[in-house]
Amino acid sequence: MNVSTGTPTLGSFDRRPGAYVGQMLRLIPTSGVVEERLIDSWTYTGSNVWTATVRKAFVNATGAAQLPA
């Protein structure tokens, strides 16, 4: 899953490698199932894009959420 690090609304992103490992990533859609996953790795892939690898794949994510189903 790629995370764009554009200008945050509040605060900033931690840019250290592995900064979010072990943290919970929660997807809250406008309708449907809320999913939570633990972040296994957090790496910089260039051009202000970071890649979060989660321990278990998301099940209910859709194309509208721009995540792999």
N, C-alpha and C. Protein backbone atom coordinates (compact mmCIF):
# COMPACT_ATOMS: atom_id res chain seq x y z
N MET A 1 0.85 -1.16 0.00
CA MET A 1 0.00 0.00 0.00
C MET A 1 0.90 1.23 0.00
N ASN A 2 0.69 2.14 -0.93
CA ASN A 2 1.47 3.37 -0.98
C ASN A 2 0.75 4.48 -0.24
N VAL A 3 1.51 5.27 0.47
CA VAL A 3 0.98 6.38 1.24
C VAL A 3 1.63 7.65 0.71
N SER A 4 0.82 8.56 0.18
CA SER A 4 1.35 9.83 -0.31
C SER A 4 1.58 10.75 0.86
N THR A 5 2.73 11.38 0.89
CA THR A 5 3.04 12.28 2.00
C THR A 5 2.97 13.73 1.55
N GLY A 6 1.83 14.08 0.97
CA GLY A 6 1.60 15.47 0.62
C GLY A 6 1.54 16.30 1.90
N THR A 7 1.04 17.48 1.83
CA THR A 7 0.97 18.34 3.00
C THR A 7 -0.10 17.83 3.95
N PRO A 8 0.29 17.42 5.17
CA PRO A 8 -0.71 16.95 6.13
C PRO A 8 -1.58 18.09 6.62
N THR A 9 -2.81 17.77 6.99
CA THR A 9 -3.72 18.77 7.52
C THR A 9 -3.23 19.29 8.86
N LEU A 10 -2.71 18.39 9.67
CA LEU A 10 -2.23 18.75 11.00
C LEU A 10 -1.02 17.89 11.32
N GLY A 11 0.04 18.48 11.80
CA GLY A 11 1.23 17.71 12.16
C GLY A 11 2.09 17.38 10.96
N SER A 12 2.85 16.31 11.08
CA SER A 12 3.73 15.90 9.98
C SER A 12 3.93 14.40 10.03
N PHE A 13 4.51 13.83 8.94
CA PHE A 13 4.82 12.42 8.88
C PHE A 13 6.18 12.18 9.51
N ASP A 14 6.33 11.07 10.18
CA ASP A 14 7.64 10.65 10.68
C ASP A 14 8.37 10.00 9.52
N ARG A 15 9.47 10.57 9.10
CA ARG A 15 10.16 10.10 7.90
C ARG A 15 11.26 9.08 8.20
N ARG A 16 11.39 8.64 9.43
CA ARG A 16 12.41 7.65 9.75
C ARG A 16 11.98 6.27 9.24
N PRO A 17 12.91 5.50 8.67
CA PRO A 17 12.57 4.15 8.23
C PRO A 17 12.05 3.33 9.42
N GLY A 18 10.96 2.63 9.22
CA GLY A 18 10.41 1.78 10.28
C GLY A 18 9.67 2.53 11.36
N ALA A 19 9.42 3.82 11.18
CA ALA A 19 8.80 4.63 12.23
C ALA A 19 7.40 4.14 12.62
N TYR A 20 6.68 3.55 11.70
CA TYR A 20 5.30 3.14 11.98
C TYR A 20 5.14 1.63 12.13
N VAL A 21 6.24 0.90 12.16
CA VAL A 21 6.18 -0.56 12.33
C VAL A 21 5.52 -0.88 13.67
N GLY A 22 4.53 -1.77 13.64
CA GLY A 22 3.80 -2.15 14.84
C GLY A 22 2.59 -1.28 15.13
N GLN A 23 2.41 -0.21 14.36
CA GLN A 23 1.25 0.67 14.54
C GLN A 23 0.04 0.12 13.79
N MET A 24 -1.13 0.54 14.20
CA MET A 24 -2.37 0.10 13.58
C MET A 24 -2.73 1.04 12.42
N LEU A 25 -3.04 0.46 11.26
CA LEU A 25 -3.54 1.21 10.11
C LEU A 25 -5.01 0.88 9.99
N ARG A 26 -5.84 1.88 10.09
CA ARG A 26 -7.30 1.67 10.07
C ARG A 26 -7.90 2.32 8.84
N LEU A 27 -8.68 1.54 8.06
CA LEU A 27 -9.42 2.06 6.92
C LEU A 27 -10.86 2.24 7.34
N ILE A 28 -11.35 3.46 7.25
CA ILE A 28 -12.72 3.77 7.65
C ILE A 28 -13.45 4.27 6.42
N PRO A 29 -14.16 3.38 5.72
CA PRO A 29 -14.88 3.80 4.52
C PRO A 29 -16.16 4.57 4.87
N THR A 30 -16.71 5.27 3.89
CA THR A 30 -17.97 5.98 4.13
C THR A 30 -19.11 5.01 4.38
N SER A 31 -19.01 3.81 3.82
CA SER A 31 -19.97 2.75 4.12
C SER A 31 -19.23 1.42 3.99
N GLY A 32 -19.67 0.44 4.72
CA GLY A 32 -19.03 -0.87 4.64
C GLY A 32 -18.26 -1.21 5.90
N VAL A 33 -17.31 -2.09 5.75
CA VAL A 33 -16.59 -2.66 6.88
C VAL A 33 -15.33 -1.85 7.19
N VAL A 34 -15.12 -1.55 8.47
CA VAL A 34 -13.88 -0.91 8.93
C VAL A 34 -12.84 -2.02 9.08
N GLU A 35 -11.66 -1.80 8.53
CA GLU A 35 -10.60 -2.80 8.64
C GLU A 35 -9.39 -2.21 9.35
N GLU A 36 -8.74 -3.04 10.16
CA GLU A 36 -7.53 -2.64 10.88
C GLU A 36 -6.44 -3.65 10.58
N ARG A 37 -5.23 -3.16 10.36
CA ARG A 37 -4.09 -4.04 10.12
C ARG A 37 -2.86 -3.44 10.81
N LEU A 38 -1.96 -4.32 11.25
CA LEU A 38 -0.69 -3.88 11.82
C LEU A 38 0.32 -3.65 10.70
N ILE A 39 1.07 -2.57 10.82
CA ILE A 39 2.10 -2.25 9.83
C ILE A 39 3.35 -3.08 10.13
N ASP A 40 3.81 -3.82 9.11
CA ASP A 40 4.98 -4.68 9.25
C ASP A 40 6.26 -3.98 8.79
N SER A 41 6.14 -3.12 7.78
CA SER A 41 7.30 -2.33 7.34
C SER A 41 6.82 -0.99 6.78
N TRP A 42 7.70 -0.01 6.81
CA TRP A 42 7.41 1.36 6.39
C TRP A 42 8.66 1.88 5.71
N THR A 43 8.65 1.98 4.36
CA THR A 43 9.85 2.35 3.62
C THR A 43 9.57 3.46 2.62
N TYR A 44 10.57 4.29 2.39
CA TYR A 44 10.47 5.39 1.44
C TYR A 44 10.74 4.86 0.04
N THR A 45 9.83 5.13 -0.90
CA THR A 45 10.00 4.66 -2.27
C THR A 45 10.28 5.79 -3.26
N GLY A 46 10.40 7.00 -2.77
CA GLY A 46 10.75 8.14 -3.61
C GLY A 46 9.56 9.02 -3.95
N SER A 47 9.85 10.25 -4.34
CA SER A 47 8.84 11.23 -4.75
C SER A 47 7.73 11.43 -3.71
N ASN A 48 8.12 11.55 -2.45
CA ASN A 48 7.17 11.77 -1.35
C ASN A 48 6.15 10.65 -1.22
N VAL A 49 6.53 9.43 -1.57
CA VAL A 49 5.65 8.27 -1.42
C VAL A 49 6.34 7.25 -0.52
N TRP A 50 5.62 6.81 0.49
CA TRP A 50 6.09 5.77 1.41
C TRP A 50 5.25 4.53 1.18
N THR A 51 5.82 3.36 1.40
CA THR A 51 5.09 2.11 1.25
C THR A 51 4.94 1.45 2.61
N ALA A 52 3.69 1.19 2.96
CA ALA A 52 3.39 0.46 4.19
C ALA A 52 3.03 -0.97 3.80
N THR A 53 3.72 -1.92 4.41
CA THR A 53 3.38 -3.33 4.22
C THR A 53 2.69 -3.79 5.49
N VAL A 54 1.50 -4.34 5.33
CA VAL A 54 0.74 -4.79 6.49
C VAL A 54 0.87 -6.30 6.64
N ARG A 55 0.69 -6.79 7.85
CA ARG A 55 0.89 -8.22 8.14
C ARG A 55 -0.15 -9.11 7.49
N LYS A 56 -1.36 -8.62 7.32
CA LYS A 56 -2.43 -9.39 6.70
C LYS A 56 -3.09 -8.48 5.66
N ALA A 57 -3.38 -9.01 4.48
CA ALA A 57 -3.97 -8.20 3.41
C ALA A 57 -5.36 -7.69 3.79
N PHE A 58 -5.72 -6.53 3.26
CA PHE A 58 -7.07 -6.01 3.45
C PHE A 58 -8.05 -6.87 2.65
N VAL A 59 -9.22 -7.10 3.19
CA VAL A 59 -10.20 -7.97 2.57
C VAL A 59 -11.26 -7.18 1.82
N ASN A 60 -11.75 -6.11 2.39
CA ASN A 60 -12.88 -5.37 1.84
C ASN A 60 -12.50 -4.07 1.14
N ALA A 61 -11.21 -3.80 0.98
CA ALA A 61 -10.80 -2.58 0.28
C ALA A 61 -11.25 -2.66 -1.17
N THR A 62 -11.66 -1.52 -1.74
CA THR A 62 -12.15 -1.49 -3.11
C THR A 62 -11.33 -0.51 -3.94
N GLY A 63 -11.58 -0.53 -5.23
CA GLY A 63 -10.91 0.42 -6.14
C GLY A 63 -11.22 1.85 -5.79
N ALA A 64 -12.41 2.09 -5.23
CA ALA A 64 -12.78 3.45 -4.85
C ALA A 64 -11.88 3.96 -3.74
N ALA A 65 -11.36 3.04 -2.93
CA ALA A 65 -10.45 3.42 -1.86
C ALA A 65 -9.00 3.50 -2.36
N GLN A 66 -8.78 3.18 -3.64
CA GLN A 66 -7.47 3.17 -4.28
C GLN A 66 -6.52 2.23 -3.57
N LEU A 67 -7.04 1.09 -3.11
CA LEU A 67 -6.22 0.06 -2.47
C LEU A 67 -6.50 -1.26 -3.17
N PRO A 68 -5.53 -2.15 -3.15
CA PRO A 68 -5.80 -3.45 -3.76
C PRO A 68 -6.85 -4.22 -2.97
N ALA A 69 -7.75 -4.88 -3.66
CA ALA A 69 -8.79 -5.67 -2.98
C ALA A 69 -8.26 -7.02 -2.60
